[in-house]
Amino acid sequence: MANGISNEGMLAGVCSRLAARLGWNVWAIRAVLLILLVAEPLWTALGYALAAFLISALERRSTRAADANSGNLESPELASRKQRIADLEQRFRKWEQGRDKE
């Protein structure tokens, strides 16, 4: 799930993303798409393919921008390990300082 949008699409996730963007029911969007496919199959298929391409390109772009802005390209697991190591180092330094005073 990216940005609160489900990636569980039947084909490319175009209908689910469009429904989330418009606040509509995903099945209503799919029904409209089905009607358009019957009426104008070529233009509807081309429009769907274009929408799928644009959505995936925009999603990749926003993911890259978020990574670049955060400056954090690590996994959450590595970040957690780094934090635990930093905590242990801090405890060790406090312990060493306590021994030096004795």
PDB file of N, CA and C in Angstrom:
ATOM      1  N   MET A   1       0.846  -1.174   0.000  1.00  0.00           N
ATOM      2  CA  MET A   1       0.000   0.000   0.000  1.00  0.00           C
ATOM      3  C   MET A   1       0.889   1.234   0.000  1.00  0.00           C
ATOM      4  N   ALA A   2       0.677   2.082  -0.959  1.00  0.00           N
ATOM      5  CA  ALA A   2       1.454   3.304  -1.058  1.00  0.00           C
ATOM      6  C   ALA A   2       0.553   4.504  -0.979  1.00  0.00           C
ATOM      7  N   ASN A   3       0.839   5.415  -0.077  1.00  0.00           N
ATOM      8  CA  ASN A   3       0.062   6.635   0.073  1.00  0.00           C
ATOM      9  C   ASN A   3      -1.406   6.359   0.369  1.00  0.00           C
ATOM     10  N   GLY A   4      -1.687   5.272   1.069  1.00  0.00           N
ATOM     11  CA  GLY A   4      -3.056   4.959   1.423  1.00  0.00           C
ATOM     12  C   GLY A   4      -3.881   4.405   0.282  1.00  0.00           C
ATOM     13  N   ILE A   5      -3.247   4.105  -0.839  1.00  0.00           N
ATOM     14  CA  ILE A   5      -3.964   3.587  -1.996  1.00  0.00           C
ATOM     15  C   ILE A   5      -3.634   2.106  -2.134  1.00  0.00           C
ATOM     16  N   SER A   6      -4.647   1.301  -2.246  1.00  0.00           N
ATOM     17  CA  SER A   6      -4.453  -0.131  -2.380  1.00  0.00           C
ATOM     18  C   SER A   6      -3.878  -0.462  -3.747  1.00  0.00           C
ATOM     19  N   ASN A   7      -2.929  -1.381  -3.770  1.00  0.00           N
ATOM     20  CA  ASN A   7      -2.346  -1.837  -5.031  1.00  0.00           C
ATOM     21  C   ASN A   7      -3.047  -3.085  -5.538  1.00  0.00           C
ATOM     22  N   GLU A   8      -4.164  -3.428  -4.940  1.00  0.00           N
ATOM     23  CA  GLU A   8      -4.870  -4.643  -5.309  1.00  0.00           C
ATOM     24  C   GLU A   8      -5.798  -4.386  -6.486  1.00  0.00           C
ATOM     25  N   GLY A   9      -5.226  -4.206  -7.646  1.00  0.00           N
ATOM     26  CA  GLY A   9      -6.017  -3.982  -8.850  1.00  0.00           C
ATOM     27  C   GLY A   9      -6.196  -5.282  -9.593  1.00  0.00           C
ATOM     28  N   MET A  10      -7.251  -5.346 -10.391  1.00  0.00           N
ATOM     29  CA  MET A  10      -7.474  -6.559 -11.162  1.00  0.00           C
ATOM     30  C   MET A  10      -6.485  -6.661 -12.318  1.00  0.00           C
ATOM     31  N   LEU A  11      -6.192  -5.523 -12.970  1.00  0.00           N
ATOM     32  CA  LEU A  11      -5.215  -5.551 -14.061  1.00  0.00           C
ATOM     33  C   LEU A  11      -3.997  -4.708 -13.687  1.00  0.00           C
ATOM     34  N   ALA A  12      -4.142  -3.429 -13.771  1.00  0.00           N
ATOM     35  CA  ALA A  12      -3.007  -2.551 -13.473  1.00  0.00           C
ATOM     36  C   ALA A  12      -3.318  -1.603 -12.320  1.00  0.00           C
ATOM     37  N   GLY A  13      -4.459  -1.752 -11.689  1.00  0.00           N
ATOM     38  CA  GLY A  13      -4.818  -0.901 -10.568  1.00  0.00           C
ATOM     39  C   GLY A  13      -5.350   0.458 -10.961  1.00  0.00           C
ATOM     40  N   VAL A  14      -5.655   0.652 -12.239  1.00  0.00           N
ATOM     41  CA  VAL A  14      -6.133   1.957 -12.708  1.00  0.00           C
ATOM     42  C   VAL A  14      -7.480   2.280 -12.071  1.00  0.00           C
ATOM     43  N   CYS A  15      -8.402   1.365 -12.099  1.00  0.00           N
ATOM     44  CA  CYS A  15      -9.737   1.625 -11.553  1.00  0.00           C
ATOM     45  C   CYS A  15      -9.682   1.879 -10.047  1.00  0.00           C
ATOM     46  N   SER A  16      -8.896   1.087  -9.323  1.00  0.00           N
ATOM     47  CA  SER A  16      -8.825   1.279  -7.872  1.00  0.00           C
ATOM     48  C   SER A  16      -8.196   2.619  -7.514  1.00  0.00           C
ATOM     49  N   ARG A  17      -7.172   3.016  -8.243  1.00  0.00           N
ATOM     50  CA  ARG A  17      -6.544   4.313  -7.965  1.00  0.00           C
ATOM     51  C   ARG A  17      -7.454   5.478  -8.352  1.00  0.00           C
ATOM     52  N   LEU A  18      -8.147   5.332  -9.478  1.00  0.00           N
ATOM     53  CA  LEU A  18      -9.073   6.365  -9.913  1.00  0.00           C
ATOM     54  C   LEU A  18     -10.241   6.486  -8.931  1.00  0.00           C
ATOM     55  N   ALA A  19     -10.743   5.362  -8.464  1.00  0.00           N
ATOM     56  CA  ALA A  19     -11.839   5.372  -7.490  1.00  0.00           C
ATOM     57  C   ALA A  19     -11.388   6.028  -6.184  1.00  0.00           C
ATOM     58  N   ALA A  20     -10.173   5.732  -5.748  1.00  0.00           N
ATOM     59  CA  ALA A  20      -9.656   6.348  -4.523  1.00  0.00           C
ATOM     60  C   ALA A  20      -9.491   7.856  -4.710  1.00  0.00           C
ATOM     61  N   ARG A  21      -9.032   8.262  -5.867  1.00  0.00           N
ATOM     62  CA  ARG A  21      -8.816   9.683  -6.153  1.00  0.00           C
ATOM     63  C   ARG A  21     -10.137  10.449  -6.205  1.00  0.00           C
ATOM     64  N   LEU A  22     -11.174   9.838  -6.818  1.00  0.00           N
ATOM     65  CA  LEU A  22     -12.463  10.500  -6.966  1.00  0.00           C
ATOM     66  C   LEU A  22     -13.398  10.270  -5.780  1.00  0.00           C
ATOM     67  N   GLY A  23     -13.047   9.303  -4.925  1.00  0.00           N
ATOM     68  CA  GLY A  23     -13.911   8.973  -3.800  1.00  0.00           C
ATOM     69  C   GLY A  23     -15.120   8.143  -4.210  1.00  0.00           C
ATOM     70  N   TRP A  24     -14.992   7.413  -5.298  1.00  0.00           N
ATOM     71  CA  TRP A  24     -16.083   6.584  -5.809  1.00  0.00           C
ATOM     72  C   TRP A  24     -15.852   5.137  -5.395  1.00  0.00           C
ATOM     73  N   ASN A  25     -16.880   4.340  -5.598  1.00  0.00           N
ATOM     74  CA  ASN A  25     -16.766   2.907  -5.412  1.00  0.00           C
ATOM     75  C   ASN A  25     -15.993   2.333  -6.599  1.00  0.00           C
ATOM     76  N   VAL A  26     -15.053   1.454  -6.327  1.00  0.00           N
ATOM     77  CA  VAL A  26     -14.222   0.896  -7.400  1.00  0.00           C
ATOM     78  C   VAL A  26     -15.062   0.116  -8.409  1.00  0.00           C
ATOM     79  N   TRP A  27     -16.146  -0.517  -7.946  1.00  0.00           N
ATOM     80  CA  TRP A  27     -16.973  -1.291  -8.873  1.00  0.00           C
ATOM     81  C   TRP A  27     -17.766  -0.377  -9.797  1.00  0.00           C
ATOM     82  N   ALA A  28     -18.066   0.832  -9.363  1.00  0.00           N
ATOM     83  CA  ALA A  28     -18.738   1.797 -10.243  1.00  0.00           C
ATOM     84  C   ALA A  28     -17.792   2.196 -11.377  1.00  0.00           C
ATOM     85  N   ILE A  29     -16.529   2.421 -11.040  1.00  0.00           N
ATOM     86  CA  ILE A  29     -15.528   2.763 -12.062  1.00  0.00           C
ATOM     87  C   ILE A  29     -15.363   1.604 -13.034  1.00  0.00           C
ATOM     88  N   ARG A  30     -15.327   0.386 -12.501  1.00  0.00           N
ATOM     89  CA  ARG A  30     -15.168  -0.789 -13.372  1.00  0.00           C
ATOM     90  C   ARG A  30     -16.377  -0.967 -14.279  1.00  0.00           C
ATOM     91  N   ALA A  31     -17.568  -0.670 -13.777  1.00  0.00           N
ATOM     92  CA  ALA A  31     -18.779  -0.774 -14.605  1.00  0.00           C
ATOM     93  C   ALA A  31     -18.737   0.255 -15.734  1.00  0.00           C
ATOM     94  N   VAL A  32     -18.319   1.479 -15.430  1.00  0.00           N
ATOM     95  CA  VAL A  32     -18.193   2.513 -16.466  1.00  0.00           C
ATOM     96  C   VAL A  32     -17.158   2.074 -17.501  1.00  0.00           C
ATOM     97  N   LEU A  33     -16.049   1.523 -17.032  1.00  0.00           N
ATOM     98  CA  LEU A  33     -15.014   1.046 -17.958  1.00  0.00           C
ATOM     99  C   LEU A  33     -15.555  -0.061 -18.862  1.00  0.00           C
ATOM    100  N   LEU A  34     -16.331  -0.957 -18.299  1.00  0.00           N
ATOM    101  CA  LEU A  34     -16.914  -2.045 -19.094  1.00  0.00           C
ATOM    102  C   LEU A  34     -17.856  -1.500 -20.160  1.00  0.00           C
ATOM    103  N   ILE A  35     -18.669  -0.523 -19.795  1.00  0.00           N
ATOM    104  CA  ILE A  35     -19.583   0.096 -20.770  1.00  0.00           C
ATOM    105  C   ILE A  35     -18.784   0.780 -21.881  1.00  0.00           C
ATOM    106  N   LEU A  36     -17.733   1.486 -21.490  1.00  0.00           N
ATOM    107  CA  LEU A  36     -16.888   2.145 -22.487  1.00  0.00           C
ATOM    108  C   LEU A  36     -16.172   1.128 -23.384  1.00  0.00           C
ATOM    109  N   LEU A  37     -15.789  -0.013 -22.817  1.00  0.00           N
ATOM    110  CA  LEU A  37     -15.138  -1.057 -23.625  1.00  0.00           C
ATOM    111  C   LEU A  37     -16.089  -1.607 -24.686  1.00  0.00           C
ATOM    112  N   VAL A  38     -17.351  -1.727 -24.337  1.00  0.00           N
ATOM    113  CA  VAL A  38     -18.336  -2.221 -25.305  1.00  0.00           C
ATOM    114  C   VAL A  38     -18.591  -1.163 -26.377  1.00  0.00           C
ATOM    115  N   ALA A  39     -18.680   0.105 -25.963  1.00  0.00           N
ATOM    116  CA  ALA A  39     -19.000   1.179 -26.904  1.00  0.00           C
ATOM    117  C   ALA A  39     -17.816   1.534 -27.802  1.00  0.00           C
ATOM    118  N   GLU A  40     -16.662   1.730 -27.225  1.00  0.00           N
ATOM    119  CA  GLU A  40     -15.454   2.139 -27.964  1.00  0.00           C
ATOM    120  C   GLU A  40     -14.252   1.327 -27.476  1.00  0.00           C
ATOM    121  N   PRO A  41     -14.106   0.087 -27.899  1.00  0.00           N
ATOM    122  CA  PRO A  41     -13.054  -0.772 -27.341  1.00  0.00           C
ATOM    123  C   PRO A  41     -11.631  -0.269 -27.609  1.00  0.00           C
ATOM    124  N   LEU A  42     -11.365   0.227 -28.804  1.00  0.00           N
ATOM    125  CA  LEU A  42     -10.001   0.651 -29.125  1.00  0.00           C
ATOM    126  C   LEU A  42      -9.562   1.837 -28.281  1.00  0.00           C
ATOM    127  N   TRP A  43     -10.375   2.895 -28.265  1.00  0.00           N
ATOM    128  CA  TRP A  43     -10.001   4.102 -27.519  1.00  0.00           C
ATOM    129  C   TRP A  43      -9.982   3.854 -26.013  1.00  0.00           C
ATOM    130  N   THR A  44     -10.890   3.021 -25.548  1.00  0.00           N
ATOM    131  CA  THR A  44     -10.921   2.711 -24.118  1.00  0.00           C
ATOM    132  C   THR A  44      -9.678   1.916 -23.723  1.00  0.00           C
ATOM    133  N   ALA A  45      -9.302   0.935 -24.537  1.00  0.00           N
ATOM    134  CA  ALA A  45      -8.107   0.145 -24.242  1.00  0.00           C
ATOM    135  C   ALA A  45      -6.850   1.015 -24.293  1.00  0.00           C
ATOM    136  N   LEU A  46      -6.772   1.895 -25.278  1.00  0.00           N
ATOM    137  CA  LEU A  46      -5.620   2.795 -25.359  1.00  0.00           C
ATOM    138  C   LEU A  46      -5.579   3.759 -24.168  1.00  0.00           C
ATOM    139  N   GLY A  47      -6.726   4.272 -23.793  1.00  0.00           N
ATOM    140  CA  GLY A  47      -6.801   5.170 -22.631  1.00  0.00           C
ATOM    141  C   GLY A  47      -6.420   4.457 -21.351  1.00  0.00           C
ATOM    142  N   TYR A  48      -6.864   3.210 -21.203  1.00  0.00           N
ATOM    143  CA  TYR A  48      -6.533   2.422 -20.016  1.00  0.00           C
ATOM    144  C   TYR A  48      -5.029   2.155 -19.961  1.00  0.00           C
ATOM    145  N   ALA A  49      -4.451   1.778 -21.096  1.00  0.00           N
ATOM    146  CA  ALA A  49      -3.008   1.519 -21.140  1.00  0.00           C
ATOM    147  C   ALA A  49      -2.217   2.790 -20.810  1.00  0.00           C
ATOM    148  N   LEU A  50      -2.648   3.912 -21.351  1.00  0.00           N
ATOM    149  CA  LEU A  50      -1.991   5.185 -21.059  1.00  0.00           C
ATOM    150  C   LEU A  50      -2.119   5.532 -19.577  1.00  0.00           C
ATOM    151  N   ALA A  51      -3.298   5.348 -19.019  1.00  0.00           N
ATOM    152  CA  ALA A  51      -3.511   5.628 -17.594  1.00  0.00           C
ATOM    153  C   ALA A  51      -2.640   4.718 -16.725  1.00  0.00           C
ATOM    154  N   ALA A  52      -2.532   3.445 -17.088  1.00  0.00           N
ATOM    155  CA  ALA A  52      -1.690   2.514 -16.331  1.00  0.00           C
ATOM    156  C   ALA A  52      -0.236   2.958 -16.372  1.00  0.00           C
ATOM    157  N   PHE A  53       0.230   3.371 -17.547  1.00  0.00           N
ATOM    158  CA  PHE A  53       1.611   3.848 -17.685  1.00  0.00           C
ATOM    159  C   PHE A  53       1.838   5.106 -16.855  1.00  0.00           C
ATOM    160  N   LEU A  54       0.931   6.063 -16.957  1.00  0.00           N
ATOM    161  CA  LEU A  54       1.084   7.321 -16.221  1.00  0.00           C
ATOM    162  C   LEU A  54       1.040   7.114 -14.714  1.00  0.00           C
ATOM    163  N   ILE A  55       0.141   6.268 -14.254  1.00  0.00           N
ATOM    164  CA  ILE A  55       0.036   6.014 -12.818  1.00  0.00           C
ATOM    165  C   ILE A  55       1.309   5.374 -12.291  1.00  0.00           C
ATOM    166  N   SER A  56       1.834   4.379 -13.014  1.00  0.00           N
ATOM    167  CA  SER A  56       3.059   3.731 -12.536  1.00  0.00           C
ATOM    168  C   SER A  56       4.248   4.685 -12.593  1.00  0.00           C
ATOM    169  N   ALA A  57       4.316   5.529 -13.627  1.00  0.00           N
ATOM    170  CA  ALA A  57       5.414   6.486 -13.732  1.00  0.00           C
ATOM    171  C   ALA A  57       5.338   7.524 -12.617  1.00  0.00           C
ATOM    172  N   LEU A  58       4.144   8.032 -12.336  1.00  0.00           N
ATOM    173  CA  LEU A  58       3.981   9.016 -11.265  1.00  0.00           C
ATOM    174  C   LEU A  58       4.265   8.405  -9.897  1.00  0.00           C
ATOM    175  N   GLU A  59       3.885   7.149  -9.721  1.00  0.00           N
ATOM    176  CA  GLU A  59       4.143   6.476  -8.447  1.00  0.00           C
ATOM    177  C   GLU A  59       5.641   6.288  -8.236  1.00  0.00           C
ATOM    178  N   ARG A  60       6.354   5.871  -9.290  1.00  0.00           N
ATOM    179  CA  ARG A  60       7.817   5.719  -9.172  1.00  0.00           C
ATOM    180  C   ARG A  60       8.467   7.058  -8.886  1.00  0.00           C
ATOM    181  N   ARG A  61       7.988   8.108  -9.550  1.00  0.00           N
ATOM    182  CA  ARG A  61       8.557   9.442  -9.362  1.00  0.00           C
ATOM    183  C   ARG A  61       8.337   9.932  -7.928  1.00  0.00           C
ATOM    184  N   SER A  62       7.132   9.735  -7.405  1.00  0.00           N
ATOM    185  CA  SER A  62       6.856  10.189  -6.047  1.00  0.00           C
ATOM    186  C   SER A  62       7.634   9.375  -5.024  1.00  0.00           C
ATOM    187  N   THR A  63       7.848   8.092  -5.298  1.00  0.00           N
ATOM    188  CA  THR A  63       8.645   7.264  -4.393  1.00  0.00           C
ATOM    189  C   THR A  63      10.087   7.729  -4.386  1.00  0.00           C
ATOM    190  N   ARG A  64      10.635   8.009  -5.564  1.00  0.00           N
ATOM    191  CA  ARG A  64      12.012   8.518  -5.635  1.00  0.00           C
ATOM    192  C   ARG A  64      12.144   9.860  -4.950  1.00  0.00           C
ATOM    193  N   ALA A  65      11.167  10.734  -5.148  1.00  0.00           N
ATOM    194  CA  ALA A  65      11.206  12.054  -4.520  1.00  0.00           C
ATOM    195  C   ALA A  65      11.131  11.930  -3.001  1.00  0.00           C
ATOM    196  N   ALA A  66      10.301  11.037  -2.513  1.00  0.00           N
ATOM    197  CA  ALA A  66      10.191  10.840  -1.062  1.00  0.00           C
ATOM    198  C   ALA A  66      11.497  10.300  -0.497  1.00  0.00           C
ATOM    199  N   ASP A  67      12.129   9.360  -1.218  1.00  0.00           N
ATOM    200  CA  ASP A  67      13.417   8.827  -0.767  1.00  0.00           C
ATOM    201  C   ASP A  67      14.494   9.904  -0.781  1.00  0.00           C
ATOM    202  N   ALA A  68      14.513  10.720  -1.809  1.00  0.00           N
ATOM    203  CA  ALA A  68      15.518  11.775  -1.912  1.00  0.00           C
ATOM    204  C   ALA A  68      15.314  12.833  -0.834  1.00  0.00           C
ATOM    205  N   ASN A  69      14.063  13.166  -0.542  1.00  0.00           N
ATOM    206  CA  ASN A  69      13.785  14.167   0.479  1.00  0.00           C
ATOM    207  C   ASN A  69      14.107  13.671   1.869  1.00  0.00           C
ATOM    208  N   SER A  70      13.860  12.403   2.115  1.00  0.00           N
ATOM    209  CA  SER A  70      14.128  11.871   3.446  1.00  0.00           C
ATOM    210  C   SER A  70      15.609  11.581   3.631  1.00  0.00           C
ATOM    211  N   GLY A  71      16.316  11.347   2.529  1.00  0.00           N
ATOM    212  CA  GLY A  71      17.733  11.022   2.625  1.00  0.00           C
ATOM    213  C   GLY A  71      17.967   9.655   3.236  1.00  0.00           C
ATOM    214  N   ASN A  72      16.911   8.900   3.431  1.00  0.00           N
ATOM    215  CA  ASN A  72      17.001   7.602   4.076  1.00  0.00           C
ATOM    216  C   ASN A  72      16.656   6.521   3.069  1.00  0.00           C
ATOM    217  N   LEU A  73      17.663   5.813   2.621  1.00  0.00           N
ATOM    218  CA  LEU A  73      17.440   4.739   1.660  1.00  0.00           C
ATOM    219  C   LEU A  73      17.560   3.376   2.328  1.00  0.00           C
ATOM    220  N   GLU A  74      17.586   3.370   3.665  1.00  0.00           N
ATOM    221  CA  GLU A  74      17.721   2.119   4.394  1.00  0.00           C
ATOM    222  C   GLU A  74      16.367   1.482   4.636  1.00  0.00           C
ATOM    223  N   SER A  75      16.422   0.194   4.883  1.00  0.00           N
ATOM    224  CA  SER A  75      15.200  -0.510   5.241  1.00  0.00           C
ATOM    225  C   SER A  75      14.875  -0.209   6.701  1.00  0.00           C
ATOM    226  N   PRO A  76      13.618  -0.362   7.087  1.00  0.00           N
ATOM    227  CA  PRO A  76      13.259  -0.119   8.495  1.00  0.00           C
ATOM    228  C   PRO A  76      14.024  -1.039   9.453  1.00  0.00           C
ATOM    229  N   GLU A  77      14.319  -2.265   8.997  1.00  0.00           N
ATOM    230  CA  GLU A  77      15.057  -3.206   9.850  1.00  0.00           C
ATOM    231  C   GLU A  77      16.469  -2.690  10.123  1.00  0.00           C
ATOM    232  N   LEU A  78      17.137  -2.167   9.088  1.00  0.00           N
ATOM    233  CA  LEU A  78      18.481  -1.630   9.290  1.00  0.00           C
ATOM    234  C   LEU A  78      18.457  -0.389  10.172  1.00  0.00           C
ATOM    235  N   ALA A  79      17.451   0.444  10.003  1.00  0.00           N
ATOM    236  CA  ALA A  79      17.332   1.633  10.843  1.00  0.00           C
ATOM    237  C   ALA A  79      17.138   1.238  12.293  1.00  0.00           C
ATOM    238  N   SER A  80      16.349   0.199  12.533  1.00  0.00           N
ATOM    239  CA  SER A  80      16.123  -0.293  13.892  1.00  0.00           C
ATOM    240  C   SER A  80      17.414  -0.832  14.492  1.00  0.00           C
ATOM    241  N   ARG A  81      18.184  -1.568  13.723  1.00  0.00           N
ATOM    242  CA  ARG A  81      19.464  -2.091  14.212  1.00  0.00           C
ATOM    243  C   ARG A  81      20.441  -0.975  14.523  1.00  0.00           C
ATOM    244  N   LYS A  82      20.487   0.024  13.658  1.00  0.00           N
ATOM    245  CA  LYS A  82      21.379   1.155  13.910  1.00  0.00           C
ATOM    246  C   LYS A  82      21.001   1.865  15.204  1.00  0.00           C
ATOM    247  N   GLN A  83      19.718   1.986  15.464  1.00  0.00           N
ATOM    248  CA  GLN A  83      19.263   2.648  16.691  1.00  0.00           C
ATOM    249  C   GLN A  83      19.651   1.831  17.915  1.00  0.00           C
ATOM    250  N   ARG A  84      19.496   0.512  17.838  1.00  0.00           N
ATOM    251  CA  ARG A  84      19.874  -0.345  18.978  1.00  0.00           C
ATOM    252  C   ARG A  84      21.367  -0.275  19.233  1.00  0.00           C
ATOM    253  N   ILE A  85      22.172  -0.250  18.169  1.00  0.00           N
ATOM    254  CA  ILE A  85      23.624  -0.145  18.333  1.00  0.00           C
ATOM    255  C   ILE A  85      23.981   1.192  18.958  1.00  0.00           C
ATOM    256  N   ALA A  86      23.334   2.262  18.510  1.00  0.00           N
ATOM    257  CA  ALA A  86      23.606   3.582  19.090  1.00  0.00           C
ATOM    258  C   ALA A  86      23.232   3.604  20.574  1.00  0.00           C
ATOM    259  N   ASP A  87      22.116   2.966  20.941  1.00  0.00           N
ATOM    260  CA  ASP A  87      21.716   2.893  22.348  1.00  0.00           C
ATOM    261  C   ASP A  87      22.736   2.112  23.176  1.00  0.00           C
ATOM    262  N   LEU A  88      23.209   0.998  22.628  1.00  0.00           N
ATOM    263  CA  LEU A  88      24.226   0.208  23.339  1.00  0.00           C
ATOM    264  C   LEU A  88      25.522   0.991  23.499  1.00  0.00           C
ATOM    265  N   GLU A  89      25.938   1.714  22.471  1.00  0.00           N
ATOM    266  CA  GLU A  89      27.149   2.533  22.573  1.00  0.00           C
ATOM    267  C   GLU A  89      27.001   3.593  23.658  1.00  0.00           C
ATOM    268  N   GLN A  90      25.829   4.201  23.723  1.00  0.00           N
ATOM    269  CA  GLN A  90      25.589   5.229  24.740  1.00  0.00           C
ATOM    270  C   GLN A  90      25.639   4.612  26.144  1.00  0.00           C
ATOM    271  N   ARG A  91      25.040   3.445  26.332  1.00  0.00           N
ATOM    272  CA  ARG A  91      25.100   2.761  27.637  1.00  0.00           C
ATOM    273  C   ARG A  91      26.532   2.420  28.014  1.00  0.00           C
ATOM    274  N   PHE A  92      27.286   1.935  27.035  1.00  0.00           N
ATOM    275  CA  PHE A  92      28.670   1.556  27.301  1.00  0.00           C
ATOM    276  C   PHE A  92      29.498   2.770  27.713  1.00  0.00           C
ATOM    277  N   ARG A  93      29.283   3.893  27.034  1.00  0.00           N
ATOM    278  CA  ARG A  93      30.009   5.115  27.399  1.00  0.00           C
ATOM    279  C   ARG A  93      29.659   5.559  28.812  1.00  0.00           C
ATOM    280  N   LYS A  94      28.369   5.492  29.166  1.00  0.00           N
ATOM    281  CA  LYS A  94      27.959   5.847  30.531  1.00  0.00           C
ATOM    282  C   LYS A  94      28.588   4.904  31.547  1.00  0.00           C
ATOM    283  N   TRP A  95      28.637   3.637  31.213  1.00  0.00           N
ATOM    284  CA  TRP A  95      29.226   2.646  32.103  1.00  0.00           C
ATOM    285  C   TRP A  95      30.714   2.916  32.275  1.00  0.00           C
ATOM    286  N   GLU A  96      31.414   3.225  31.157  1.00  0.00           N
ATOM    287  CA  GLU A  96      32.837   3.547  31.232  1.00  0.00           C
ATOM    288  C   GLU A  96      33.076   4.787  32.080  1.00  0.00           C
ATOM    289  N   GLN A  97      32.255   5.792  31.943  1.00  0.00           N
ATOM    290  CA  GLN A  97      32.410   7.017  32.713  1.00  0.00           C
ATOM    291  C   GLN A  97      32.203   6.726  34.199  1.00  0.00           C
ATOM    292  N   GLY A  98      31.302   5.849  34.517  1.00  0.00           N
ATOM    293  CA  GLY A  98      31.061   5.459  35.908  1.00  0.00           C
ATOM    294  C   GLY A  98      32.236   4.719  36.500  1.00  0.00           C
ATOM    295  N   ARG A  99      32.917   3.884  35.726  1.00  0.00           N
ATOM    296  CA  ARG A  99      34.086   3.136  36.204  1.00  0.00           C
ATOM    297  C   ARG A  99      35.273   4.043  36.386  1.00  0.00           C
ATOM    298  N   ASP A 100      35.402   5.079  35.535  1.00  0.00           N
ATOM    299  CA  ASP A 100      36.539   6.000  35.649  1.00  0.00           C
ATOM    300  C   ASP A 100      36.477   6.798  36.940  1.00  0.00           C
ATOM    301  N   LYS A 101      35.278   7.039  37.458  1.00  0.00           N
ATOM    302  CA  LYS A 101      35.130   7.836  38.664  1.00  0.00           C
ATOM    303  C   LYS A 101      35.515   7.060  39.910  1.00  0.00           C
ATOM    304  N   GLU A 102      35.572   5.758  39.852  1.00  0.00           N
ATOM    305  CA  GLU A 102      35.882   4.935  41.027  1.00  0.00           C
ATOM    306  C   GLU A 102      37.328   4.985  41.408  1.00  0.00           C
TER     307      GLU A 102
END
